[in-house]
């Protein structure tokens, strides 16, 4: 079984400071500016590849130096293929602030990612048993088209609805597994997610709207799986967080890889929680995406 990721690739500019700035405030960074690849699509595709699964990545890079950098990162991770197209728009860029406890604030300029349209995902080459993994840094219409193709091919559709956006009924009904965090779940359903019972109720609401199952990530507490039969909690590993940027992407990569290996969903969620925990112990997303050997060593030592 192979995994097809449809999503964005960006260039991340990361500033680390003692605390996050308030509105109108300037806070001096405590470390040099960190520049590297990003975008939820790239992070998840690279995460899948590093964990040893077969992966193809449908995306769009931009023009100029940043676009060339993006394509070089695709090449380094083995993700450069005919599914990676080029746009005349500027490449996606993310501005990221991280504090001493690993919390972050992120603003994304989509650029070329907004130029990834349904015709660009018309030939994904998927088959029965394959997995489509998508996010929402690209147009919702493109995600819907990709999900439709995947379902017609007999593939499983996993949607990481980040950043949260209004979703059409057709897309909700095509999604086998949705993986929102608490904030995204609240925005998608209009319900509170402050407590575990709140998360379960909101996930139930998402299922009632047509999603097959929900695996909600709840930060350092791990994940909660909800389907029509009930809910199950999956705790995360206890680690000292350095940077939470990309933890959700590492989680989704781990989940997709687990499913592609034929693991039971609960076991795949445990693998995903381990990958997310590993990620927060590293500065920058790319260093936080483990190989399977690195992840196994990490789990053994934690």
Foldseek 3Di string as FASTA:
>chain_A
DAEEEEWAKAKEWEFEFQDDDDVPDDGHGPDDIDIDMDTLRVLLQLLLVLQPGHYEYAYEAEDDDRSVRRQVVCVVSVHDDLSYYYDPWHGKYKYWYAHQQADIDIDIDLICLQVCAQVSLQPVPDAALYEYEYEPSYPLRNLLSNLVVQVVRNYAYEYAHPPADAHDLSSLQSHAEYEYEQVNLCVHQVWHRPDPVRSQVSQVSSVVSHHAKYWYQYPQQATWIYGPVGIDGDGADDDRFRHQPCLSSQLSSQLNNCSSVVHDNVVSSNSSSLLSRQQRNDPDSVVSSHYSVVSVVVVVVD
